[in-house]
Amino acid sequence: MGTMNHFTFGWLTPALSYVVACAGAALGLRCTLRGLAATGASRRNWLLTAAAAIGSGIWTMHFVAMFGFAVDGTELRYDVPLTVLSLLVAVLVTGLGVFAVGHGRHRGLALVTGGLTTGLGVAAMHYLGMAAMRLHGGLRHDAGTVALSVLIAVGAATAALWAAVTIRNVYAAVGASLVMGLAVSCMHYTAMAAVHVHLEPARTGLGGVAPMEFVFPLAVGLGSFLFLASAFVVLSPAPRERAAHGEAGELAIEEFPTMPVRPAPGDHDRAA
């Protein structure tokens, strides 16, 4: 059995991964809310952005947390195709859940369907990411703990989608994002608690790439996208807010109409 350490860098990686998960959740909830208030192509684009935000946020959270994971007696590498596939799965299934809520006619059924789909996709993303890991040995998972992690993922996804269609207050949305980030982090570390490593020191030819060669640049890029996009969406006014500003401007014009400009005393003489 290999000795595992989930906190190689102390609390840095758990804290940073939590912040990334919250950023992805906040952006996803905000975009979903914008999508529900829009129609046609605008709704589709907002929901696609929400799916990309939540999916990439969960994926980035997982791999940032994995930077703190180490096993004594072996190096860790990652298979590139499986790692990319785990990202695509995260975005795709999140998109299915978001669109189920955004276009579902029955809110209760849409939330259950979307939450189940998204939760299973989050779990699939996690375990695909673990399958992409290469080390001198093999991994075994405890079935009971795996089932618990899947339940947490489904519960977190359902709660997040419920918040997306229910919460209208900005402060409540921030609180929902913090709770969702915590739930995603709990799901990750619960799933990691199910892992057991059997070392095979004679095993050679790990293949794959080191985390700093591929996973780190991709995680930094996605994290930057989340924070910049979050700032843009949060600072940009919603359609309702723009309408309110427009009404306020119209009222101001009605209350203070433009006064006619009177000609100066000598203007008539100069015009003549």
C-alpha atoms as a PDB file:
ATOM      1  CA  MET A   1       0.000   0.000   0.000  1.00  0.00           C
ATOM      2  CA  GLY A   2       1.317   3.408  -0.930  1.00  0.00           C
ATOM      3  CA  THR A   3       1.275   6.250   1.560  1.00  0.00           C
ATOM      4  CA  MET A   4      -0.776   9.129   0.184  1.00  0.00           C
ATOM      5  CA  ASN A   5      -0.600  12.793   1.058  1.00  0.00           C
ATOM      6  CA  HIS A   6      -3.480  15.029  -0.059  1.00  0.00           C
ATOM      7  CA  PHE A   7      -1.989  18.230   1.349  1.00  0.00           C
ATOM      8  CA  THR A   8       1.583  18.376   0.068  1.00  0.00           C
ATOM      9  CA  PHE A   9       1.452  22.179   0.008  1.00  0.00           C
ATOM     10  CA  GLY A  10      -0.616  22.465   3.166  1.00  0.00           C
ATOM     11  CA  TRP A  11      -3.928  24.266   2.842  1.00  0.00           C
ATOM     12  CA  LEU A  12      -2.853  26.213  -0.247  1.00  0.00           C
ATOM     13  CA  THR A  13      -4.271  23.809  -2.833  1.00  0.00           C
ATOM     14  CA  PRO A  14      -7.576  23.133  -1.000  1.00  0.00           C
ATOM     15  CA  ALA A  15      -8.136  26.869  -0.486  1.00  0.00           C
ATOM     16  CA  LEU A  16      -7.223  27.785  -4.054  1.00  0.00           C
ATOM     17  CA  SER A  17      -9.333  24.979  -5.513  1.00  0.00           C
ATOM     18  CA  TYR A  18     -12.286  26.138  -3.400  1.00  0.00           C
ATOM     19  CA  VAL A  19     -11.936  29.703  -4.687  1.00  0.00           C
ATOM     20  CA  VAL A  20     -11.873  28.434  -8.281  1.00  0.00           C
ATOM     21  CA  ALA A  21     -14.958  26.274  -7.677  1.00  0.00           C
ATOM     22  CA  CYS A  22     -16.800  29.279  -6.217  1.00  0.00           C
ATOM     23  CA  ALA A  23     -15.804  31.462  -9.180  1.00  0.00           C
ATOM     24  CA  GLY A  24     -17.099  28.878 -11.640  1.00  0.00           C
ATOM     25  CA  ALA A  25     -20.331  28.502  -9.690  1.00  0.00           C
ATOM     26  CA  ALA A  26     -20.862  32.271  -9.407  1.00  0.00           C
ATOM     27  CA  LEU A  27     -20.312  32.827 -13.115  1.00  0.00           C
ATOM     28  CA  GLY A  28     -22.484  29.847 -14.030  1.00  0.00           C
ATOM     29  CA  LEU A  29     -25.371  30.951 -11.808  1.00  0.00           C
ATOM     30  CA  ARG A  30     -25.218  34.509 -13.104  1.00  0.00           C
ATOM     31  CA  CYS A  31     -25.168  33.372 -16.745  1.00  0.00           C
ATOM     32  CA  THR A  32     -28.019  30.926 -16.151  1.00  0.00           C
ATOM     33  CA  LEU A  33     -30.063  33.722 -14.608  1.00  0.00           C
ATOM     34  CA  ARG A  34     -29.347  35.934 -17.621  1.00  0.00           C
ATOM     35  CA  GLY A  35     -30.309  33.073 -19.927  1.00  0.00           C
ATOM     36  CA  LEU A  36     -33.641  32.512 -18.208  1.00  0.00           C
ATOM     37  CA  ALA A  37     -34.445  36.209 -18.675  1.00  0.00           C
ATOM     38  CA  ALA A  38     -33.578  36.101 -22.396  1.00  0.00           C
ATOM     39  CA  THR A  39     -35.073  34.398 -25.424  1.00  0.00           C
ATOM     40  CA  GLY A  40     -33.899  32.831 -28.673  1.00  0.00           C
ATOM     41  CA  ALA A  41     -30.192  32.881 -29.524  1.00  0.00           C
ATOM     42  CA  SER A  42     -29.388  35.103 -26.543  1.00  0.00           C
ATOM     43  CA  ARG A  43     -30.750  32.482 -24.136  1.00  0.00           C
ATOM     44  CA  ARG A  44     -28.769  29.755 -25.854  1.00  0.00           C
ATOM     45  CA  ASN A  45     -25.527  31.749 -25.675  1.00  0.00           C
ATOM     46  CA  TRP A  46     -25.968  32.563 -21.985  1.00  0.00           C
ATOM     47  CA  LEU A  47     -26.674  28.912 -21.162  1.00  0.00           C
ATOM     48  CA  LEU A  48     -23.640  27.768 -23.164  1.00  0.00           C
ATOM     49  CA  THR A  49     -21.500  30.221 -21.210  1.00  0.00           C
ATOM     50  CA  ALA A  50     -22.978  28.932 -17.948  1.00  0.00           C
ATOM     51  CA  ALA A  51     -22.152  25.339 -18.915  1.00  0.00           C
ATOM     52  CA  ALA A  52     -18.584  26.270 -19.822  1.00  0.00           C
ATOM     53  CA  ALA A  53     -18.168  28.193 -16.556  1.00  0.00           C
ATOM     54  CA  ILE A  54     -19.512  25.521 -14.212  1.00  0.00           C
ATOM     55  CA  GLY A  55     -17.873  22.632 -16.066  1.00  0.00           C
ATOM     56  CA  SER A  56     -14.445  24.226 -16.355  1.00  0.00           C
ATOM     57  CA  GLY A  57     -14.682  25.484 -12.778  1.00  0.00           C
ATOM     58  CA  ILE A  58     -15.296  21.981 -11.436  1.00  0.00           C
ATOM     59  CA  TRP A  59     -12.552  20.525 -13.631  1.00  0.00           C
ATOM     60  CA  THR A  60     -10.056  23.204 -12.576  1.00  0.00           C
ATOM     61  CA  MET A  61     -10.999  22.703  -8.923  1.00  0.00           C
ATOM     62  CA  HIS A  62     -10.244  18.967  -9.239  1.00  0.00           C
ATOM     63  CA  PHE A  63      -6.816  19.374 -10.804  1.00  0.00           C
ATOM     64  CA  VAL A  64      -5.746  22.283  -8.608  1.00  0.00           C
ATOM     65  CA  ALA A  65      -6.553  20.069  -5.619  1.00  0.00           C
ATOM     66  CA  MET A  66      -4.617  17.224  -7.272  1.00  0.00           C
ATOM     67  CA  PHE A  67      -1.460  19.351  -7.302  1.00  0.00           C
ATOM     68  CA  GLY A  68      -1.378  18.729  -3.561  1.00  0.00           C
ATOM     69  CA  PHE A  69      -1.740  14.947  -3.996  1.00  0.00           C
ATOM     70  CA  ALA A  70       1.389  12.813  -3.752  1.00  0.00           C
ATOM     71  CA  VAL A  71       2.213   9.145  -3.217  1.00  0.00           C
ATOM     72  CA  ASP A  72       5.452   8.131  -1.527  1.00  0.00           C
ATOM     73  CA  GLY A  73       7.659   6.019  -3.765  1.00  0.00           C
ATOM     74  CA  THR A  74       6.302   7.067  -7.158  1.00  0.00           C
ATOM     75  CA  GLU A  75       5.960  10.052  -9.414  1.00  0.00           C
ATOM     76  CA  LEU A  76       2.601  11.091 -10.840  1.00  0.00           C
ATOM     77  CA  ARG A  77       1.912  11.755 -14.504  1.00  0.00           C
ATOM     78  CA  TYR A  78      -1.247  12.274 -16.547  1.00  0.00           C
ATOM     79  CA  ASP A  79      -2.504  10.816 -19.799  1.00  0.00           C
ATOM     80  CA  VAL A  80      -3.273  13.793 -22.066  1.00  0.00           C
ATOM     81  CA  PRO A  81      -6.268  12.419 -24.057  1.00  0.00           C
ATOM     82  CA  LEU A  82      -8.067  11.196 -20.924  1.00  0.00           C
ATOM     83  CA  THR A  83      -7.393  14.484 -19.149  1.00  0.00           C
ATOM     84  CA  VAL A  84      -8.861  16.482 -22.036  1.00  0.00           C
ATOM     85  CA  LEU A  85     -11.798  14.048 -22.216  1.00  0.00           C
ATOM     86  CA  SER A  86     -12.549  14.657 -18.534  1.00  0.00           C
ATOM     87  CA  LEU A  87     -12.776  18.409 -19.239  1.00  0.00           C
ATOM     88  CA  LEU A  88     -15.079  17.876 -22.220  1.00  0.00           C
ATOM     89  CA  VAL A  89     -17.308  15.559 -20.169  1.00  0.00           C
ATOM     90  CA  ALA A  90     -17.560  18.154 -17.391  1.00  0.00           C
ATOM     91  CA  VAL A  91     -18.648  20.897 -19.802  1.00  0.00           C
ATOM     92  CA  LEU A  92     -20.959  18.653 -21.844  1.00  0.00           C
ATOM     93  CA  VAL A  93     -22.943  17.148 -18.987  1.00  0.00           C
ATOM     94  CA  THR A  94     -23.151  20.483 -17.210  1.00  0.00           C
ATOM     95  CA  GLY A  95     -24.555  21.885 -20.435  1.00  0.00           C
ATOM     96  CA  LEU A  96     -27.174  19.148 -20.556  1.00  0.00           C
ATOM     97  CA  GLY A  97     -28.244  19.965 -17.008  1.00  0.00           C
ATOM     98  CA  VAL A  98     -28.328  23.720 -17.588  1.00  0.00           C
ATOM     99  CA  PHE A  99     -30.312  23.379 -20.817  1.00  0.00           C
ATOM    100  CA  ALA A 100     -32.739  20.975 -19.138  1.00  0.00           C
ATOM    101  CA  VAL A 101     -33.480  23.689 -16.595  1.00  0.00           C
ATOM    102  CA  GLY A 102     -33.398  26.538 -19.108  1.00  0.00           C
ATOM    103  CA  HIS A 103     -35.862  24.922 -21.525  1.00  0.00           C
ATOM    104  CA  GLY A 104     -37.856  22.598 -19.273  1.00  0.00           C
ATOM    105  CA  ARG A 105     -41.545  23.387 -18.949  1.00  0.00           C
ATOM    106  CA  HIS A 106     -41.983  21.646 -15.588  1.00  0.00           C
ATOM    107  CA  ARG A 107     -39.522  23.149 -13.132  1.00  0.00           C
ATOM    108  CA  GLY A 108     -39.532  20.265 -10.641  1.00  0.00           C
ATOM    109  CA  LEU A 109     -38.899  17.604 -13.271  1.00  0.00           C
ATOM    110  CA  ALA A 110     -36.323  19.793 -15.002  1.00  0.00           C
ATOM    111  CA  LEU A 111     -34.416  20.295 -11.726  1.00  0.00           C
ATOM    112  CA  VAL A 112     -34.381  16.568 -10.956  1.00  0.00           C
ATOM    113  CA  THR A 113     -33.280  15.669 -14.488  1.00  0.00           C
ATOM    114  CA  GLY A 114     -30.709  18.431 -14.661  1.00  0.00           C
ATOM    115  CA  GLY A 115     -29.334  17.737 -11.191  1.00  0.00           C
ATOM    116  CA  LEU A 116     -29.024  14.010 -11.801  1.00  0.00           C
ATOM    117  CA  THR A 117     -27.378  14.495 -15.191  1.00  0.00           C
ATOM    118  CA  THR A 118     -24.970  17.148 -13.992  1.00  0.00           C
ATOM    119  CA  GLY A 119     -24.114  15.299 -10.767  1.00  0.00           C
ATOM    120  CA  LEU A 120     -23.322  12.069 -12.586  1.00  0.00           C
ATOM    121  CA  GLY A 121     -21.271  14.055 -15.068  1.00  0.00           C
ATOM    122  CA  VAL A 122     -19.277  15.707 -12.286  1.00  0.00           C
ATOM    123  CA  ALA A 123     -18.557  12.292 -10.788  1.00  0.00           C
ATOM    124  CA  ALA A 124     -17.615  10.944 -14.233  1.00  0.00           C
ATOM    125  CA  MET A 125     -15.250  13.875 -14.706  1.00  0.00           C
ATOM    126  CA  HIS A 126     -13.566  13.151 -11.381  1.00  0.00           C
ATOM    127  CA  TYR A 127     -13.055   9.466 -12.003  1.00  0.00           C
ATOM    128  CA  LEU A 128     -11.918  10.040 -15.592  1.00  0.00           C
ATOM    129  CA  GLY A 129      -9.355  12.449 -14.184  1.00  0.00           C
ATOM    130  CA  MET A 130      -8.239   9.774 -11.742  1.00  0.00           C
ATOM    131  CA  ALA A 131      -8.088   7.208 -14.561  1.00  0.00           C
ATOM    132  CA  ALA A 132      -5.783   9.592 -16.424  1.00  0.00           C
ATOM    133  CA  MET A 133      -3.258   9.386 -13.579  1.00  0.00           C
ATOM    134  CA  ARG A 134      -0.134   7.314 -14.209  1.00  0.00           C
ATOM    135  CA  LEU A 135       2.000   6.027 -11.329  1.00  0.00           C
ATOM    136  CA  HIS A 136       4.154   3.040 -10.364  1.00  0.00           C
ATOM    137  CA  GLY A 137       1.228   0.956  -9.189  1.00  0.00           C
ATOM    138  CA  GLY A 138      -2.537   0.741  -9.407  1.00  0.00           C
ATOM    139  CA  LEU A 139      -5.552   2.427  -7.869  1.00  0.00           C
ATOM    140  CA  ARG A 140      -8.420   0.752  -6.061  1.00  0.00           C
ATOM    141  CA  HIS A 141     -11.606   2.513  -4.936  1.00  0.00           C
ATOM    142  CA  ASP A 142     -13.851   1.726  -1.996  1.00  0.00           C
ATOM    143  CA  ALA A 143     -17.347   1.215  -3.456  1.00  0.00           C
ATOM    144  CA  GLY A 144     -19.244   2.691  -0.509  1.00  0.00           C
ATOM    145  CA  THR A 145     -17.227   5.908  -0.460  1.00  0.00           C
ATOM    146  CA  VAL A 146     -17.527   6.214  -4.241  1.00  0.00           C
ATOM    147  CA  ALA A 147     -21.322   5.969  -3.951  1.00  0.00           C
ATOM    148  CA  LEU A 148     -21.291   8.662  -1.251  1.00  0.00           C
ATOM    149  CA  SER A 149     -19.232  10.976  -3.472  1.00  0.00           C
ATOM    150  CA  VAL A 150     -21.712  10.494  -6.330  1.00  0.00           C
ATOM    151  CA  LEU A 151     -24.630  11.351  -4.022  1.00  0.00           C
ATOM    152  CA  ILE A 152     -22.835  14.515  -2.913  1.00  0.00           C
ATOM    153  CA  ALA A 153     -22.215  15.458  -6.563  1.00  0.00           C
ATOM    154  CA  VAL A 154     -25.882  14.960  -7.493  1.00  0.00           C
ATOM    155  CA  GLY A 155     -27.048  16.899  -4.435  1.00  0.00           C
ATOM    156  CA  ALA A 156     -24.641  19.766  -5.115  1.00  0.00           C
ATOM    157  CA  ALA A 157     -25.644  19.961  -8.779  1.00  0.00           C
ATOM    158  CA  THR A 158     -29.365  19.939  -7.979  1.00  0.00           C
ATOM    159  CA  ALA A 159     -28.933  22.632  -5.327  1.00  0.00           C
ATOM    160  CA  ALA A 160     -26.902  24.777  -7.739  1.00  0.00           C
ATOM    161  CA  LEU A 161     -29.500  24.513 -10.512  1.00  0.00           C
ATOM    162  CA  TRP A 162     -32.278  25.261  -8.030  1.00  0.00           C
ATOM    163  CA  ALA A 163     -30.385  28.354  -6.936  1.00  0.00           C
ATOM    164  CA  ALA A 164     -29.931  29.378 -10.575  1.00  0.00           C
ATOM    165  CA  VAL A 165     -33.674  29.417 -11.266  1.00  0.00           C
ATOM    166  CA  THR A 166     -34.834  30.663  -7.868  1.00  0.00           C
ATOM    167  CA  ILE A 167     -32.402  33.231  -6.501  1.00  0.00           C
ATOM    168  CA  ARG A 168     -32.657  36.791  -7.804  1.00  0.00           C
ATOM    169  CA  ASN A 169     -30.801  38.682  -5.071  1.00  0.00           C
ATOM    170  CA  VAL A 170     -27.088  39.235  -5.738  1.00  0.00           C
ATOM    171  CA  TYR A 171     -26.083  38.557  -2.137  1.00  0.00           C
ATOM    172  CA  ALA A 172     -28.066  35.331  -2.056  1.00  0.00           C
ATOM    173  CA  ALA A 173     -26.396  34.288  -5.323  1.00  0.00           C
ATOM    174  CA  VAL A 174     -22.968  34.866  -3.764  1.00  0.00           C
ATOM    175  CA  GLY A 175     -23.972  32.718  -0.781  1.00  0.00           C
ATOM    176  CA  ALA A 176     -25.211  29.981  -3.125  1.00  0.00           C
ATOM    177  CA  SER A 177     -21.876  30.063  -4.980  1.00  0.00           C
ATOM    178  CA  LEU A 178     -19.944  29.666  -1.724  1.00  0.00           C
ATOM    179  CA  VAL A 179     -22.124  26.710  -0.730  1.00  0.00           C
ATOM    180  CA  MET A 180     -21.754  25.091  -4.145  1.00  0.00           C
ATOM    181  CA  GLY A 181     -17.977  25.522  -4.036  1.00  0.00           C
ATOM    182  CA  LEU A 182     -17.929  23.840  -0.637  1.00  0.00           C
ATOM    183  CA  ALA A 183     -20.105  20.982  -1.907  1.00  0.00           C
ATOM    184  CA  VAL A 184     -17.868  20.397  -4.936  1.00  0.00           C
ATOM    185  CA  SER A 185     -14.773  20.401  -2.708  1.00  0.00           C
ATOM    186  CA  CYS A 186     -16.440  17.944  -0.310  1.00  0.00           C
ATOM    187  CA  MET A 187     -17.312  15.690  -3.238  1.00  0.00           C
ATOM    188  CA  HIS A 188     -13.681  15.748  -4.423  1.00  0.00           C
ATOM    189  CA  TYR A 189     -12.114  14.901  -1.074  1.00  0.00           C
ATOM    190  CA  THR A 190     -14.774  12.301  -0.338  1.00  0.00           C
ATOM    191  CA  ALA A 191     -13.912  10.624  -3.639  1.00  0.00           C
ATOM    192  CA  MET A 192     -10.204  10.845  -2.820  1.00  0.00           C
ATOM    193  CA  ALA A 193     -10.882   9.155   0.514  1.00  0.00           C
ATOM    194  CA  ALA A 194     -12.044   6.141  -1.494  1.00  0.00           C
ATOM    195  CA  VAL A 195      -8.649   5.748  -3.190  1.00  0.00           C
ATOM    196  CA  HIS A 196      -6.132   3.072  -2.234  1.00  0.00           C
ATOM    197  CA  VAL A 197      -2.782   2.786  -4.013  1.00  0.00           C
ATOM    198  CA  HIS A 198      -0.951  -0.513  -4.556  1.00  0.00           C
ATOM    199  CA  LEU A 199       2.655   0.210  -5.465  1.00  0.00           C
ATOM    200  CA  GLU A 200       4.522  -1.796  -8.085  1.00  0.00           C
ATOM    201  CA  PRO A 201       8.126  -0.506  -7.861  1.00  0.00           C
ATOM    202  CA  ALA A 202       9.278  -2.640 -10.791  1.00  0.00           C
ATOM    203  CA  ARG A 203       6.764  -1.062 -13.119  1.00  0.00           C
ATOM    204  CA  THR A 204       8.381   1.184 -15.725  1.00  0.00           C
ATOM    205  CA  GLY A 205       7.274   3.315 -18.626  1.00  0.00           C
ATOM    206  CA  LEU A 206       4.582   5.433 -17.031  1.00  0.00           C
ATOM    207  CA  GLY A 207       3.900   7.492 -20.125  1.00  0.00           C
ATOM    208  CA  GLY A 208       1.853  10.660 -20.006  1.00  0.00           C
ATOM    209  CA  VAL A 209       3.171  14.054 -18.967  1.00  0.00           C
ATOM    210  CA  ALA A 210       4.114  15.699 -15.705  1.00  0.00           C
ATOM    211  CA  PRO A 211       1.434  17.950 -14.167  1.00  0.00           C
ATOM    212  CA  MET A 212       3.508  21.093 -14.668  1.00  0.00           C
ATOM    213  CA  GLU A 213       3.941  20.353 -18.381  1.00  0.00           C
ATOM    214  CA  PHE A 214       0.267  20.198 -19.321  1.00  0.00           C
ATOM    215  CA  VAL A 215      -2.255  20.242 -16.487  1.00  0.00           C
ATOM    216  CA  PHE A 216      -0.868  23.338 -14.759  1.00  0.00           C
ATOM    217  CA  PRO A 217      -0.911  25.636 -17.839  1.00  0.00           C
ATOM    218  CA  LEU A 218      -4.418  24.446 -18.745  1.00  0.00           C
ATOM    219  CA  ALA A 219      -5.682  24.963 -15.188  1.00  0.00           C
ATOM    220  CA  VAL A 220      -4.152  28.459 -15.055  1.00  0.00           C
ATOM    221  CA  GLY A 221      -5.746  29.345 -18.389  1.00  0.00           C
ATOM    222  CA  LEU A 222      -9.192  28.130 -17.347  1.00  0.00           C
ATOM    223  CA  GLY A 223      -8.888  29.807 -13.962  1.00  0.00           C
ATOM    224  CA  SER A 224      -7.996  33.112 -15.617  1.00  0.00           C
ATOM    225  CA  PHE A 225     -10.985  32.755 -17.941  1.00  0.00           C
ATOM    226  CA  LEU A 226     -13.302  32.181 -14.980  1.00  0.00           C
ATOM    227  CA  PHE A 227     -12.141  35.206 -13.021  1.00  0.00           C
ATOM    228  CA  LEU A 228     -12.096  37.600 -15.995  1.00  0.00           C
ATOM    229  CA  ALA A 229     -15.454  36.404 -17.287  1.00  0.00           C
ATOM    230  CA  SER A 230     -16.926  36.623 -13.787  1.00  0.00           C
ATOM    231  CA  ALA A 231     -15.778  40.226 -13.466  1.00  0.00           C
ATOM    232  CA  PHE A 232     -17.227  41.108 -16.879  1.00  0.00           C
ATOM    233  CA  VAL A 233     -20.615  39.472 -16.261  1.00  0.00           C
ATOM    234  CA  VAL A 234     -20.971  40.820 -12.730  1.00  0.00           C
ATOM    235  CA  LEU A 235     -20.126  44.370 -13.783  1.00  0.00           C
ATOM    236  CA  SER A 236     -22.250  44.364 -16.939  1.00  0.00           C
ATOM    237  CA  PRO A 237     -25.867  45.404 -16.315  1.00  0.00           C
ATOM    238  CA  ALA A 238     -28.660  42.891 -16.769  1.00  0.00           C
ATOM    239  CA  PRO A 239     -31.489  43.649 -19.234  1.00  0.00           C
ATOM    240  CA  ARG A 240     -33.767  44.581 -16.326  1.00  0.00           C
ATOM    241  CA  GLU A 241     -31.115  46.933 -14.968  1.00  0.00           C
ATOM    242  CA  ARG A 242     -30.646  48.574 -18.375  1.00  0.00           C
ATOM    243  CA  ALA A 243     -34.399  49.001 -18.677  1.00  0.00           C
ATOM    244  CA  ALA A 244     -34.492  50.598 -15.221  1.00  0.00           C
ATOM    245  CA  HIS A 245     -31.727  53.028 -16.208  1.00  0.00           C
ATOM    246  CA  GLY A 246     -33.603  53.858 -19.405  1.00  0.00           C
ATOM    247  CA  GLU A 247     -36.802  54.587 -17.495  1.00  0.00           C
ATOM    248  CA  ALA A 248     -34.865  56.724 -15.022  1.00  0.00           C
ATOM    249  CA  GLY A 249     -33.398  58.729 -17.896  1.00  0.00           C
ATOM    250  CA  GLU A 250     -36.809  59.274 -19.442  1.00  0.00           C
ATOM    251  CA  LEU A 251     -38.220  60.461 -16.115  1.00  0.00           C
ATOM    252  CA  ALA A 252     -35.319  62.863 -15.725  1.00  0.00           C
ATOM    253  CA  ILE A 253     -36.006  64.328 -19.178  1.00  0.00           C
ATOM    254  CA  GLU A 254     -39.700  64.739 -18.360  1.00  0.00           C
ATOM    255  CA  GLU A 255     -38.956  66.359 -15.008  1.00  0.00           C
ATOM    256  CA  PHE A 256     -36.259  68.699 -16.350  1.00  0.00           C
ATOM    257  CA  PRO A 257     -37.215  69.438 -19.981  1.00  0.00           C
ATOM    258  CA  THR A 258     -34.716  71.140 -22.184  1.00  0.00           C
ATOM    259  CA  MET A 259     -35.135  74.914 -21.941  1.00  0.00           C
ATOM    260  CA  PRO A 260     -35.173  76.880 -25.208  1.00  0.00           C
ATOM    261  CA  VAL A 261     -32.051  78.879 -25.853  1.00  0.00           C
ATOM    262  CA  ARG A 262     -32.749  82.575 -25.945  1.00  0.00           C
ATOM    263  CA  PRO A 263     -30.691  84.631 -28.366  1.00  0.00           C
ATOM    264  CA  ALA A 264     -28.261  87.115 -26.943  1.00  0.00           C
ATOM    265  CA  PRO A 265     -29.250  90.805 -27.158  1.00  0.00           C
ATOM    266  CA  GLY A 266     -27.106  91.527 -30.178  1.00  0.00           C
ATOM    267  CA  ASP A 267     -27.815  88.331 -32.122  1.00  0.00           C
ATOM    268  CA  HIS A 268     -30.711  89.778 -34.196  1.00  0.00           C
ATOM    269  CA  ASP A 269     -28.577  92.710 -35.259  1.00  0.00           C
ATOM    270  CA  ARG A 270     -25.678  90.462 -36.282  1.00  0.00           C
ATOM    271  CA  ALA A 271     -28.082  88.128 -38.137  1.00  0.00           C
ATOM    272  CA  ALA A 272     -29.483  91.117 -39.973  1.00  0.00           C
END
